[in-house]
Amino acid sequence: MMTKATILSIFMIVLVLGMITGETQGQEMCRDVLRGQKCVAHTCATFCKQKWNGSGFCFQNGQIKNCLCTFPCKS
């Protein structure tokens, strides 16, 4: 049961990152996972926008939801 949740989480991350990367072709994207807090979608998105000018979403990581920020890497 835990394995299915982990595989599904990884699949969802790859799917969303693929969609985000498609919007910014030619630009390398960086990611940061925020751990240790209960993830709230609106808070996650707002924090990622303010800190890195990127996008953020919550994803299930086992029993915990984490915030994943995706943003343009600085060159």
N, C-alpha and C. Protein backbone atom coordinates (compact mmCIF):
# COMPACT_ATOMS: atom_id res chain seq x y z
N MET A 1 0.82 -1.19 0.00
CA MET A 1 0.00 0.00 0.00
C MET A 1 0.87 1.26 0.00
N MET A 2 1.90 1.28 0.82
CA MET A 2 2.79 2.43 0.89
C MET A 2 3.55 2.61 -0.43
N THR A 3 3.89 1.49 -1.08
CA THR A 3 4.62 1.57 -2.35
C THR A 3 3.76 2.22 -3.42
N LYS A 4 2.49 1.89 -3.48
CA LYS A 4 1.60 2.49 -4.47
C LYS A 4 1.50 4.00 -4.27
N ALA A 5 1.42 4.45 -3.04
CA ALA A 5 1.34 5.88 -2.76
C ALA A 5 2.61 6.59 -3.18
N THR A 6 3.75 5.97 -2.92
CA THR A 6 5.04 6.57 -3.30
C THR A 6 5.17 6.65 -4.81
N ILE A 7 4.82 5.60 -5.51
CA ILE A 7 4.90 5.59 -6.97
C ILE A 7 3.95 6.63 -7.55
N LEU A 8 2.76 6.72 -7.00
CA LEU A 8 1.80 7.71 -7.47
C LEU A 8 2.31 9.13 -7.23
N SER A 9 2.92 9.37 -6.08
CA SER A 9 3.48 10.69 -5.77
C SER A 9 4.57 11.07 -6.76
N ILE A 10 5.46 10.15 -7.05
CA ILE A 10 6.55 10.40 -8.00
C ILE A 10 5.98 10.68 -9.39
N PHE A 11 5.00 9.89 -9.81
CA PHE A 11 4.37 10.11 -11.11
C PHE A 11 3.74 11.50 -11.19
N MET A 12 3.04 11.91 -10.15
CA MET A 12 2.39 13.22 -10.16
C MET A 12 3.42 14.35 -10.22
N ILE A 13 4.52 14.21 -9.50
CA ILE A 13 5.57 15.23 -9.53
C ILE A 13 6.13 15.35 -10.93
N VAL A 14 6.46 14.21 -11.56
CA VAL A 14 7.01 14.23 -12.92
C VAL A 14 6.01 14.85 -13.89
N LEU A 15 4.74 14.50 -13.75
CA LEU A 15 3.71 15.05 -14.63
C LEU A 15 3.60 16.56 -14.51
N VAL A 16 3.52 17.06 -13.29
CA VAL A 16 3.39 18.50 -13.07
C VAL A 16 4.65 19.24 -13.51
N LEU A 17 5.81 18.69 -13.19
CA LEU A 17 7.06 19.34 -13.61
C LEU A 17 7.18 19.37 -15.13
N GLY A 18 6.70 18.33 -15.78
CA GLY A 18 6.71 18.32 -17.24
C GLY A 18 5.83 19.40 -17.82
N MET A 19 4.68 19.63 -17.20
CA MET A 19 3.78 20.69 -17.66
C MET A 19 4.40 22.06 -17.42
N ILE A 20 5.02 22.26 -16.29
CA ILE A 20 5.65 23.54 -15.97
C ILE A 20 6.83 23.80 -16.89
N THR A 21 7.64 22.79 -17.12
CA THR A 21 8.82 22.93 -17.98
C THR A 21 8.40 23.26 -19.40
N GLY A 22 7.29 22.71 -19.86
CA GLY A 22 6.80 23.01 -21.21
C GLY A 22 6.49 24.48 -21.39
N GLU A 23 6.10 25.16 -20.34
CA GLU A 23 5.77 26.58 -20.41
C GLU A 23 7.02 27.44 -20.50
N THR A 24 8.14 26.96 -20.04
CA THR A 24 9.36 27.76 -20.00
C THR A 24 10.48 27.03 -20.73
N GLN A 25 10.27 26.70 -21.99
CA GLN A 25 11.28 25.98 -22.76
C GLN A 25 12.55 26.79 -22.88
N GLY A 26 13.68 26.10 -22.83
CA GLY A 26 14.96 26.74 -22.97
C GLY A 26 15.52 27.31 -21.68
N GLN A 27 14.76 27.25 -20.61
CA GLN A 27 15.23 27.78 -19.33
C GLN A 27 15.27 26.64 -18.32
N GLU A 28 16.41 26.51 -17.65
CA GLU A 28 16.56 25.44 -16.67
C GLU A 28 15.73 25.76 -15.43
N MET A 29 15.02 24.75 -14.95
CA MET A 29 14.15 24.93 -13.79
C MET A 29 14.78 24.24 -12.57
N CYS A 30 14.68 24.90 -11.44
CA CYS A 30 15.16 24.36 -10.17
C CYS A 30 13.96 24.04 -9.30
N ARG A 31 14.18 23.15 -8.32
CA ARG A 31 13.10 22.74 -7.42
C ARG A 31 13.59 22.73 -5.99
N ASP A 32 12.67 22.96 -5.08
CA ASP A 32 12.97 22.88 -3.66
C ASP A 32 11.74 22.32 -2.95
N VAL A 33 11.97 21.32 -2.10
CA VAL A 33 10.88 20.71 -1.34
C VAL A 33 10.92 21.28 0.07
N LEU A 34 9.81 21.84 0.51
CA LEU A 34 9.71 22.39 1.86
C LEU A 34 9.10 21.32 2.76
N ARG A 35 9.83 20.91 3.77
CA ARG A 35 9.37 19.84 4.66
C ARG A 35 9.12 20.39 6.05
N GLY A 36 8.44 19.57 6.85
CA GLY A 36 8.29 19.90 8.26
C GLY A 36 7.03 20.66 8.61
N GLN A 37 6.23 21.01 7.61
CA GLN A 37 5.00 21.73 7.90
C GLN A 37 3.86 21.06 7.16
N LYS A 38 2.65 21.22 7.65
CA LYS A 38 1.48 20.73 6.92
C LYS A 38 1.30 21.63 5.71
N CYS A 39 1.27 21.04 4.54
CA CYS A 39 1.17 21.82 3.31
C CYS A 39 -0.27 22.27 3.06
N VAL A 40 -0.42 23.56 2.82
CA VAL A 40 -1.70 24.15 2.41
C VAL A 40 -1.46 24.74 1.03
N ALA A 41 -2.26 24.35 0.05
CA ALA A 41 -2.02 24.70 -1.35
C ALA A 41 -1.81 26.20 -1.57
N HIS A 42 -2.69 27.02 -1.05
CA HIS A 42 -2.58 28.47 -1.27
C HIS A 42 -1.31 29.03 -0.62
N THR A 43 -1.00 28.59 0.59
CA THR A 43 0.20 29.06 1.29
C THR A 43 1.45 28.63 0.55
N CYS A 44 1.47 27.40 0.08
CA CYS A 44 2.62 26.88 -0.67
C CYS A 44 2.85 27.70 -1.93
N ALA A 45 1.81 27.92 -2.71
CA ALA A 45 1.92 28.69 -3.96
C ALA A 45 2.39 30.12 -3.69
N THR A 46 1.83 30.76 -2.67
CA THR A 46 2.19 32.14 -2.34
C THR A 46 3.65 32.22 -1.89
N PHE A 47 4.07 31.29 -1.03
CA PHE A 47 5.45 31.29 -0.54
C PHE A 47 6.44 31.12 -1.68
N CYS A 48 6.18 30.19 -2.58
CA CYS A 48 7.09 29.94 -3.71
C CYS A 48 7.15 31.15 -4.64
N LYS A 49 6.02 31.79 -4.84
CA LYS A 49 5.98 32.98 -5.70
C LYS A 49 6.80 34.12 -5.08
N GLN A 50 6.66 34.32 -3.76
CA GLN A 50 7.38 35.41 -3.09
C GLN A 50 8.87 35.12 -2.99
N LYS A 51 9.24 33.91 -2.61
CA LYS A 51 10.65 33.60 -2.36
C LYS A 51 11.47 33.43 -3.64
N TRP A 52 10.90 32.72 -4.64
CA TRP A 52 11.68 32.41 -5.84
C TRP A 52 11.03 32.88 -7.13
N ASN A 53 9.90 33.55 -7.06
CA ASN A 53 9.15 33.92 -8.25
C ASN A 53 8.83 32.67 -9.08
N GLY A 54 8.40 31.63 -8.37
CA GLY A 54 8.08 30.36 -9.02
C GLY A 54 6.69 29.91 -8.66
N SER A 55 6.43 28.65 -8.92
CA SER A 55 5.12 28.08 -8.60
C SER A 55 5.30 26.96 -7.59
N GLY A 56 4.26 26.71 -6.82
CA GLY A 56 4.33 25.69 -5.80
C GLY A 56 3.04 24.92 -5.68
N PHE A 57 3.16 23.65 -5.31
CA PHE A 57 1.98 22.83 -5.10
C PHE A 57 2.28 21.78 -4.04
N CYS A 58 1.25 21.27 -3.41
CA CYS A 58 1.38 20.24 -2.40
C CYS A 58 1.36 18.87 -3.06
N PHE A 59 2.16 17.95 -2.54
CA PHE A 59 2.11 16.57 -3.02
C PHE A 59 2.21 15.64 -1.83
N GLN A 60 1.56 14.50 -1.97
CA GLN A 60 1.54 13.50 -0.91
C GLN A 60 2.86 12.74 -0.92
N ASN A 61 3.53 12.69 0.21
CA ASN A 61 4.79 11.97 0.37
C ASN A 61 4.61 11.02 1.54
N GLY A 62 4.06 9.84 1.27
CA GLY A 62 3.74 8.91 2.34
C GLY A 62 2.55 9.43 3.13
N GLN A 63 2.74 9.65 4.42
CA GLN A 63 1.66 10.15 5.28
C GLN A 63 1.62 11.67 5.35
N ILE A 64 2.60 12.33 4.76
CA ILE A 64 2.77 13.78 4.90
C ILE A 64 2.61 14.46 3.54
N LYS A 65 2.04 15.65 3.54
CA LYS A 65 2.00 16.47 2.33
C LYS A 65 3.14 17.49 2.42
N ASN A 66 3.95 17.57 1.36
CA ASN A 66 5.05 18.52 1.29
C ASN A 66 4.75 19.55 0.20
N CYS A 67 5.42 20.69 0.29
CA CYS A 67 5.29 21.75 -0.71
C CYS A 67 6.49 21.66 -1.66
N LEU A 68 6.21 21.58 -2.96
CA LEU A 68 7.26 21.54 -3.96
C LEU A 68 7.24 22.84 -4.74
N CYS A 69 8.36 23.58 -4.69
CA CYS A 69 8.50 24.83 -5.43
C CYS A 69 9.31 24.57 -6.69
N THR A 70 8.86 25.12 -7.81
CA THR A 70 9.59 25.05 -9.07
C THR A 70 9.79 26.48 -9.53
N PHE A 71 11.04 26.80 -9.89
CA PHE A 71 11.38 28.19 -10.25
C PHE A 71 12.54 28.22 -11.21
N PRO A 72 12.69 29.30 -11.99
CA PRO A 72 13.81 29.41 -12.92
C PRO A 72 15.13 29.49 -12.15
N CYS A 73 16.10 28.69 -12.57
CA CYS A 73 17.42 28.73 -11.94
C CYS A 73 18.12 30.03 -12.30
N LYS A 74 18.89 30.54 -11.38
CA LYS A 74 19.68 31.75 -11.66
C LYS A 74 20.96 31.30 -12.33
N SER A 75 21.33 31.98 -13.41
CA SER A 75 22.55 31.59 -14.13
C SER A 75 23.76 32.34 -13.65
